[in-house]
Amino acid sequence: MKLDIKTVIVLATLLFTGAGFYYTTQNRLDDLETDILFLNRQLGDVQKQAKRLNRLVLRANQQGDNK
């Protein structure tokens, strides 16, 4: 099977374009995964703080009702 230079150039261009697309997409997905993990940790911290603040508010309301 003979390939002329034009066919080789087209195939190489498609190959490099596909490889570049795959690399950049994979890189972006890895960055998004890192961001999601960070946000999940922050959400957990915020939920703990909200729970603590709700308990403090309930205690303050109970003490205010007792007076």
C-alpha atoms as a PDB file:
ATOM      1  CA  MET A   1       0.000   0.000   0.000  1.00  0.00           C
ATOM      2  CA  LYS A   2       1.475   3.286  -1.117  1.00  0.00           C
ATOM      3  CA  LEU A   3       0.773   6.493   0.772  1.00  0.00           C
ATOM      4  CA  ASP A   4       1.519   9.783  -0.828  1.00  0.00           C
ATOM      5  CA  ILE A   5       2.821  12.737   1.188  1.00  0.00           C
ATOM      6  CA  LYS A   6      -0.554  14.530   1.228  1.00  0.00           C
ATOM      7  CA  THR A   7      -2.265  11.543   2.834  1.00  0.00           C
ATOM      8  CA  VAL A   8       0.486  11.230   5.453  1.00  0.00           C
ATOM      9  CA  ILE A   9       0.199  14.929   6.295  1.00  0.00           C
ATOM     10  CA  VAL A  10      -3.601  14.697   6.663  1.00  0.00           C
ATOM     11  CA  LEU A  11      -3.349  11.580   8.850  1.00  0.00           C
ATOM     12  CA  ALA A  12      -0.599  13.127  11.004  1.00  0.00           C
ATOM     13  CA  THR A  13      -2.639  16.320  11.403  1.00  0.00           C
ATOM     14  CA  LEU A  14      -5.688  14.340  12.504  1.00  0.00           C
ATOM     15  CA  LEU A  15      -3.602  12.255  14.890  1.00  0.00           C
ATOM     16  CA  PHE A  16      -1.924  15.256  16.521  1.00  0.00           C
ATOM     17  CA  THR A  17      -5.227  17.136  16.746  1.00  0.00           C
ATOM     18  CA  GLY A  18      -6.896  14.161  18.427  1.00  0.00           C
ATOM     19  CA  ALA A  19      -3.988  13.685  20.826  1.00  0.00           C
ATOM     20  CA  GLY A  20      -3.990  17.379  21.736  1.00  0.00           C
ATOM     21  CA  PHE A  21      -7.735  17.343  22.304  1.00  0.00           C
ATOM     22  CA  TYR A  22      -7.462  14.270  24.522  1.00  0.00           C
ATOM     23  CA  TYR A  23      -4.595  15.749  26.562  1.00  0.00           C
ATOM     24  CA  THR A  24      -6.279  19.111  27.154  1.00  0.00           C
ATOM     25  CA  THR A  25      -9.622  17.501  27.971  1.00  0.00           C
ATOM     26  CA  GLN A  26      -8.008  15.106  30.449  1.00  0.00           C
ATOM     27  CA  ASN A  27      -6.075  17.972  32.036  1.00  0.00           C
ATOM     28  CA  ARG A  28      -9.219  20.070  32.428  1.00  0.00           C
ATOM     29  CA  LEU A  29     -11.123  17.140  33.930  1.00  0.00           C
ATOM     30  CA  ASP A  30      -8.333  16.574  36.466  1.00  0.00           C
ATOM     31  CA  ASP A  31      -8.435  20.261  37.414  1.00  0.00           C
ATOM     32  CA  LEU A  32     -12.222  20.123  37.815  1.00  0.00           C
ATOM     33  CA  GLU A  33     -11.943  17.036  40.004  1.00  0.00           C
ATOM     34  CA  THR A  34      -9.453  18.844  42.240  1.00  0.00           C
ATOM     35  CA  ASP A  35     -11.770  21.859  42.479  1.00  0.00           C
ATOM     36  CA  ILE A  36     -14.759  19.667  43.334  1.00  0.00           C
ATOM     37  CA  LEU A  37     -12.845  17.898  46.105  1.00  0.00           C
ATOM     38  CA  PHE A  38     -11.796  21.264  47.537  1.00  0.00           C
ATOM     39  CA  LEU A  39     -15.374  22.571  47.414  1.00  0.00           C
ATOM     40  CA  ASN A  40     -16.696  19.398  49.064  1.00  0.00           C
ATOM     41  CA  ARG A  41     -14.273  19.905  51.962  1.00  0.00           C
ATOM     42  CA  GLN A  42     -15.325  23.527  52.276  1.00  0.00           C
ATOM     43  CA  LEU A  43     -18.993  22.529  52.218  1.00  0.00           C
ATOM     44  CA  GLY A  44     -18.387  20.052  55.032  1.00  0.00           C
ATOM     45  CA  ASP A  45     -16.719  22.767  57.098  1.00  0.00           C
ATOM     46  CA  VAL A  46     -19.587  25.196  56.447  1.00  0.00           C
ATOM     47  CA  GLN A  47     -22.147  22.550  57.413  1.00  0.00           C
ATOM     48  CA  LYS A  48     -20.310  21.911  60.697  1.00  0.00           C
ATOM     49  CA  GLN A  49     -20.235  25.632  61.439  1.00  0.00           C
ATOM     50  CA  ALA A  50     -23.934  26.006  60.578  1.00  0.00           C
ATOM     51  CA  LYS A  51     -24.813  23.121  62.888  1.00  0.00           C
ATOM     52  CA  ARG A  52     -22.780  24.681  65.701  1.00  0.00           C
ATOM     53  CA  LEU A  53     -24.386  28.098  65.159  1.00  0.00           C
ATOM     54  CA  ASN A  54     -27.874  26.557  65.118  1.00  0.00           C
ATOM     55  CA  ARG A  55     -27.194  24.907  68.479  1.00  0.00           C
ATOM     56  CA  LEU A  56     -25.976  28.221  69.903  1.00  0.00           C
ATOM     57  CA  VAL A  57     -29.083  30.014  68.641  1.00  0.00           C
ATOM     58  CA  LEU A  58     -31.355  27.339  70.105  1.00  0.00           C
ATOM     59  CA  ARG A  59     -29.596  27.591  73.475  1.00  0.00           C
ATOM     60  CA  ALA A  60     -29.852  31.372  73.414  1.00  0.00           C
ATOM     61  CA  ASN A  61     -33.555  31.166  72.604  1.00  0.00           C
ATOM     62  CA  GLN A  62     -34.146  28.640  75.374  1.00  0.00           C
ATOM     63  CA  GLN A  63     -32.317  30.810  77.900  1.00  0.00           C
ATOM     64  CA  GLY A  64     -34.304  33.849  76.762  1.00  0.00           C
ATOM     65  CA  ASP A  65     -37.571  31.951  77.228  1.00  0.00           C
ATOM     66  CA  ASN A  66     -36.592  30.863  80.751  1.00  0.00           C
ATOM     67  CA  LYS A  67     -36.063  34.430  81.956  1.00  0.00           C
END
